[in-house]
C-alpha atoms as a PDB file:
ATOM      1  CA  MET A   1     102.169 128.868  75.197  1.00  0.00           C
ATOM      2  CA  ASN A   2     103.366 126.459  71.897  1.00  0.00           C
ATOM      3  CA  SER A   3     101.260 123.702  72.009  1.00  0.00           C
ATOM      4  CA  LYS A   4     104.263 121.412  71.941  1.00  0.00           C
ATOM      5  CA  VAL A   5     105.883 123.016  74.820  1.00  0.00           C
ATOM      6  CA  ARG A   6     102.461 122.789  76.783  1.00  0.00           C
ATOM      7  CA  GLY A   7     102.128 118.945  75.721  1.00  0.00           C
ATOM      8  CA  VAL A   8     106.014 118.031  77.476  1.00  0.00           C
ATOM      9  CA  LEU A   9     105.160 119.661  80.099  1.00  0.00           C
ATOM     10  CA  ALA A  10     101.913 118.026  80.997  1.00  0.00           C
ATOM     11  CA  VAL A  11     103.645 114.973  80.191  1.00  0.00           C
ATOM     12  CA  ILE A  12     106.320 115.710  82.870  1.00  0.00           C
ATOM     13  CA  ALA A  13     104.110 117.263  85.426  1.00  0.00           C
ATOM     14  CA  GLY A  14     101.966 113.901  85.126  1.00  0.00           C
ATOM     15  CA  ILE A  15     104.480 111.531  85.529  1.00  0.00           C
ATOM     16  CA  VAL A  16     106.283 113.385  88.436  1.00  0.00           C
ATOM     17  CA  LEU A  17     102.938 113.484  90.097  1.00  0.00           C
ATOM     18  CA  ALA A  18     102.018 109.996  89.280  1.00  0.00           C
ATOM     19  CA  MET A  19     105.596 108.995  90.764  1.00  0.00           C
ATOM     20  CA  LEU A  20     105.116 111.284  93.807  1.00  0.00           C
ATOM     21  CA  MET A  21     101.994 109.490  94.855  1.00  0.00           C
ATOM     22  CA  VAL A  22     103.446 105.904  94.484  1.00  0.00           C
ATOM     23  CA  ALA A  23     106.310 106.773  96.445  1.00  0.00           C
ATOM     24  CA  VAL A  24     104.260 108.466  99.386  1.00  0.00           C
ATOM     25  CA  ILE A  25     101.621 105.501  99.301  1.00  0.00           C
ATOM     26  CA  GLU A  26     104.159 103.390  99.205  1.00  0.00           C
ATOM     27  CA  SER A  27     106.220 104.631 101.909  1.00  0.00           C
ATOM     28  CA  ILE A  28     103.039 104.950 104.010  1.00  0.00           C
ATOM     29  CA  GLY A  29     102.423 101.401 103.640  1.00  0.00           C
ATOM     30  CA  HIS A  30     105.726 100.430 104.750  1.00  0.00           C
ATOM     31  CA  ALA A  31     105.133 102.681 107.975  1.00  0.00           C
ATOM     32  CA  VAL A  32     101.859 100.369 108.412  1.00  0.00           C
ATOM     33  CA  TYR A  33     103.852  97.392 107.470  1.00  0.00           C
ATOM     34  CA  PRO A  34     107.546  97.602 108.184  1.00  0.00           C
ATOM     35  CA  PRO A  35     109.743  95.181 106.782  1.00  0.00           C
ATOM     36  CA  PRO A  36     111.891  93.567 109.524  1.00  0.00           C
ATOM     37  CA  GLU A  37     115.183  95.106 110.082  1.00  0.00           C
ATOM     38  CA  SER A  38     117.161  92.074 108.974  1.00  0.00           C
ATOM     39  CA  LEU A  39     115.465  91.615 105.712  1.00  0.00           C
ATOM     40  CA  ASP A  40     118.318  92.142 103.256  1.00  0.00           C
ATOM     41  CA  PHE A  41     116.664  93.517  99.634  1.00  0.00           C
ATOM     42  CA  THR A  42     120.024  91.960  97.830  1.00  0.00           C
ATOM     43  CA  LYS A  43     119.022  88.201  98.637  1.00  0.00           C
ATOM     44  CA  PRO A  44     115.973  87.308  96.580  1.00  0.00           C
ATOM     45  CA  ASP A  45     115.236  84.369  98.862  1.00  0.00           C
ATOM     46  CA  GLN A  46     114.983  86.743 101.652  1.00  0.00           C
ATOM     47  CA  VAL A  47     112.873  88.937  99.705  1.00  0.00           C
ATOM     48  CA  ARG A  48     110.622  86.120  98.366  1.00  0.00           C
ATOM     49  CA  GLU A  49     110.035  84.762 101.691  1.00  0.00           C
ATOM     50  CA  TYR A  50     109.181  88.232 103.235  1.00  0.00           C
ATOM     51  CA  ILE A  51     106.580  88.935 100.098  1.00  0.00           C
ATOM     52  CA  GLU A  52     104.868  85.122 100.600  1.00  0.00           C
ATOM     53  CA  LYS A  53     104.305  86.462 104.086  1.00  0.00           C
ATOM     54  CA  LEU A  54     102.932  90.160 103.940  1.00  0.00           C
ATOM     55  CA  PRO A  55      99.372  90.436 105.110  1.00  0.00           C
ATOM     56  CA  LEU A  56      96.693  91.855 101.824  1.00  0.00           C
ATOM     57  CA  GLY A  57      96.622  95.162 103.420  1.00  0.00           C
ATOM     58  CA  ALA A  58     100.226  95.619 102.480  1.00  0.00           C
ATOM     59  CA  PHE A  59      99.432  94.828  98.871  1.00  0.00           C
ATOM     60  CA  LEU A  60      96.381  97.175  98.986  1.00  0.00           C
ATOM     61  CA  PHE A  61      98.999  99.910  99.921  1.00  0.00           C
ATOM     62  CA  VAL A  62     100.972  99.228  96.844  1.00  0.00           C
ATOM     63  CA  LEU A  63      97.864  98.820  94.062  1.00  0.00           C
ATOM     64  CA  THR A  64      96.559 102.275  95.698  1.00  0.00           C
ATOM     65  CA  GLY A  65     100.031 103.630  94.679  1.00  0.00           C
ATOM     66  CA  TRP A  66      99.847 102.208  91.350  1.00  0.00           C
ATOM     67  CA  ILE A  67      96.734 102.922  90.065  1.00  0.00           C
ATOM     68  CA  GLY A  68      96.090 106.117  91.902  1.00  0.00           C
ATOM     69  CA  GLY A  69      99.840 107.809  90.947  1.00  0.00           C
ATOM     70  CA  THR A  70      98.367 106.699  87.854  1.00  0.00           C
ATOM     71  CA  PHE A  71      94.698 108.315  87.612  1.00  0.00           C
ATOM     72  CA  CYS A  72      96.190 111.628  89.382  1.00  0.00           C
ATOM     73  CA  GLY A  73      99.237 111.681  86.859  1.00  0.00           C
ATOM     74  CA  GLY A  74      97.389 110.958  83.760  1.00  0.00           C
ATOM     75  CA  LEU A  75      94.322 113.570  85.084  1.00  0.00           C
ATOM     76  CA  VAL A  76      97.045 116.525  85.244  1.00  0.00           C
ATOM     77  CA  ALA A  77      98.898 115.393  82.462  1.00  0.00           C
ATOM     78  CA  ALA A  78      95.629 115.689  80.487  1.00  0.00           C
ATOM     79  CA  TRP A  79      94.483 118.829  82.035  1.00  0.00           C
ATOM     80  CA  ILE A  80      97.813 120.744  80.907  1.00  0.00           C
ATOM     81  CA  GLY A  81      97.939 119.346  77.796  1.00  0.00           C
ATOM     82  CA  ARG A  82      94.210 120.333  76.801  1.00  0.00           C
ATOM     83  CA  THR A  83      94.013 118.960  73.159  1.00  0.00           C
ATOM     84  CA  LYS A  84      94.729 115.520  73.698  1.00  0.00           C
ATOM     85  CA  PRO A  85      93.609 114.841  76.951  1.00  0.00           C
ATOM     86  CA  MET A  86      93.419 110.864  76.330  1.00  0.00           C
ATOM     87  CA  VAL A  87      97.193 110.621  74.739  1.00  0.00           C
ATOM     88  CA  PHE A  88      98.785 112.877  77.460  1.00  0.00           C
ATOM     89  CA  SER A  89      97.099 110.340  80.109  1.00  0.00           C
ATOM     90  CA  MET A  90      98.437 106.919  78.147  1.00  0.00           C
ATOM     91  CA  ILE A  91     101.842 108.377  77.903  1.00  0.00           C
ATOM     92  CA  VAL A  92     101.535 108.824  81.485  1.00  0.00           C
ATOM     93  CA  GLY A  93     100.028 105.503  81.681  1.00  0.00           C
ATOM     94  CA  ALA A  94     102.506 103.755  79.703  1.00  0.00           C
ATOM     95  CA  PHE A  95     105.213 105.455  82.084  1.00  0.00           C
ATOM     96  CA  VAL A  96     103.680 103.818  85.718  1.00  0.00           C
ATOM     97  CA  LEU A  97     103.215 100.541  83.327  1.00  0.00           C
ATOM     98  CA  ALA A  98     106.723 100.114  82.703  1.00  0.00           C
ATOM     99  CA  ALA A  99     107.948 100.858  86.029  1.00  0.00           C
ATOM    100  CA  THR A 100     105.276  98.509  87.498  1.00  0.00           C
ATOM    101  CA  ILE A 101     106.250  95.733  85.050  1.00  0.00           C
ATOM    102  CA  ALA A 102     110.219  96.494  86.257  1.00  0.00           C
ATOM    103  CA  ASN A 103     109.022  96.283  89.690  1.00  0.00           C
ATOM    104  CA  LEU A 104     106.979  92.924  89.102  1.00  0.00           C
ATOM    105  CA  THR A 105     110.032  91.454  87.729  1.00  0.00           C
ATOM    106  CA  MET A 106     112.584  92.340  90.550  1.00  0.00           C
ATOM    107  CA  ILE A 107     110.449  91.681  93.102  1.00  0.00           C
ATOM    108  CA  PRO A 108     108.513  88.932  93.370  1.00  0.00           C
ATOM    109  CA  HIS A 109     104.697  89.396  93.590  1.00  0.00           C
ATOM    110  CA  PRO A 110     101.414  87.179  93.946  1.00  0.00           C
ATOM    111  CA  ALA A 111     100.104  86.706  90.009  1.00  0.00           C
ATOM    112  CA  TRP A 112      96.586  88.577  91.084  1.00  0.00           C
ATOM    113  CA  MET A 113      98.386  91.698  92.314  1.00  0.00           C
ATOM    114  CA  ALA A 114     100.487  91.777  88.931  1.00  0.00           C
ATOM    115  CA  ILE A 115      97.281  91.325  86.939  1.00  0.00           C
ATOM    116  CA  ILE A 116      94.770  93.560  88.926  1.00  0.00           C
ATOM    117  CA  GLY A 117      98.183  96.024  89.050  1.00  0.00           C
ATOM    118  CA  ILE A 118      98.588  95.890  85.349  1.00  0.00           C
ATOM    119  CA  LEU A 119      94.908  96.263  84.381  1.00  0.00           C
ATOM    120  CA  GLY A 120      94.311  98.818  87.174  1.00  0.00           C
ATOM    121  CA  ILE A 121      96.794 101.114  85.424  1.00  0.00           C
ATOM    122  CA  VAL A 122      95.744 100.948  82.256  1.00  0.00           C
ATOM    123  CA  VAL A 123      91.889 101.451  83.512  1.00  0.00           C
ATOM    124  CA  ALA A 124      92.929 104.775  85.558  1.00  0.00           C
ATOM    125  CA  ALA A 125      94.713 106.020  82.524  1.00  0.00           C
ATOM    126  CA  VAL A 126      91.744 105.891  80.073  1.00  0.00           C
ATOM    127  CA  LEU A 127      89.746 107.050  82.676  1.00  0.00           C
ATOM    128  CA  ALA A 128      91.631 109.736  83.685  1.00  0.00           C
ATOM    129  CA  GLY A 129      91.814 110.857  79.521  1.00  0.00           C
ATOM    130  CA  THR A 130      87.943 110.174  79.189  1.00  0.00           C
ATOM    131  CA  LEU A 131      87.342 112.529  81.978  1.00  0.00           C
ATOM    132  CA  LEU A 132      88.120 115.859  80.172  1.00  0.00           C
ATOM    133  CA  ARG A 133      87.495 116.217  77.047  1.00  0.00           C
ATOM    134  CA  PRO A 134      89.638 118.475  74.142  1.00  0.00           C
ATOM    135  CA  ARG A 135      89.364 122.252  75.268  1.00  0.00           C
ATOM    136  CA  ALA A 136      91.345 123.420  72.301  1.00  0.00           C
ATOM    137  CA  ASP A 137      88.611 125.985  71.271  1.00  0.00           C
ATOM    138  CA  ASP A 138      88.069 126.803  74.817  1.00  0.00           C
ATOM    139  CA  GLU A 139      89.043 130.659  74.879  1.00  0.00           C
ATOM    140  CA  SER A 140      88.468 131.593  78.806  1.00  0.00           C
ATOM    141  CA  LEU A 141      91.645 128.954  79.347  1.00  0.00           C
ATOM    142  CA  PRO A 142      94.940 130.678  79.622  1.00  0.00           C
END
């Protein structure tokens, strides 16, 4: 397979997996810590008040989704991409980071969560890219 096509497929697969993991883990978090039925997400004051009252566990689900999704998506992208694992992992990480920053600007989060989330995403992307060495010369792989 052409290395450019493989690279594009690697990034797409990594981003899809990362976003899927974020969605699933956050959905589990919403099931464990359901928002009140009266909450209107279009009203910033209600959302801010809701966020201020959330327990630590609710925030940990979100952080787990962001960081775990980045790691798994980056790992898959690095594995599929083969020759430049760090590049592919960091592209996935950049995508998740951009989505996270958008989320952080739209929904008020505690400062500690923003810091841990952003740093955790970067570390997860770097770790995923580091775990897989370039394998361009490995003839046993398809």
